[in-house]
């Protein structure tokens, strides 16, 4: 099915008060998810995987605040939604797995809302992040300096919706894949440390033999 057939796609909130940009010192009744809150560079990737979550991941601990005039309901995100980074070079989807209140998403994202009894949020994000989907989305990008996947093109993305049981199995396979990659990175790091230490010991041994 087309994405638009299974999910409501909403563009995030665009902050227009240029005189009061959203910063760490901003005060308001709402928190807002911005690009900075998406760990695109994998800085905290190992931490996320260690605690059993799947990347990419949104860091909710340090969301900035923002004031909002008007009706914020259309921009609010809830646990179980998926957000999609529509701008920039890396157009990834992230499932929102944390309970949240009074939280908006910025206009750099599309918010996806759907029937979680039919589609698991982590599965939908996995499907959108799959290389086949990403190839399609890359072809839809528009713009020169700031690339964007238009909402209409995003809505045309084909989504396969197997039974929830199958979706859960796919999510678990992805979780295990990320866990394996994490353990392999740790193993490589430990081997590097061991090799460096052995090399240093050999140098010391040679140095001591020369002195005697």
Foldseek 3Di string as FASTA:
>chain_A
DFQLVFWDKAFFAADDPPVDDFDLPEDADAFEFDPVQFPPVCPCVLVCLVVQHADRDGDPPRTTHYHDDDDCVRFDDAQQKKKWQFKDDDTAIDHRHDGDDRYGYYRSIIIIDGDCQQPGRLLVRCQCNPPVNVVQQVVQWDDDPMTGRDPVSNRRRDDDGDGPVVSVVVSVVSSVVSVVVSVVVVVVVVVVVVVVVVVVVVVVVVVVVVVD
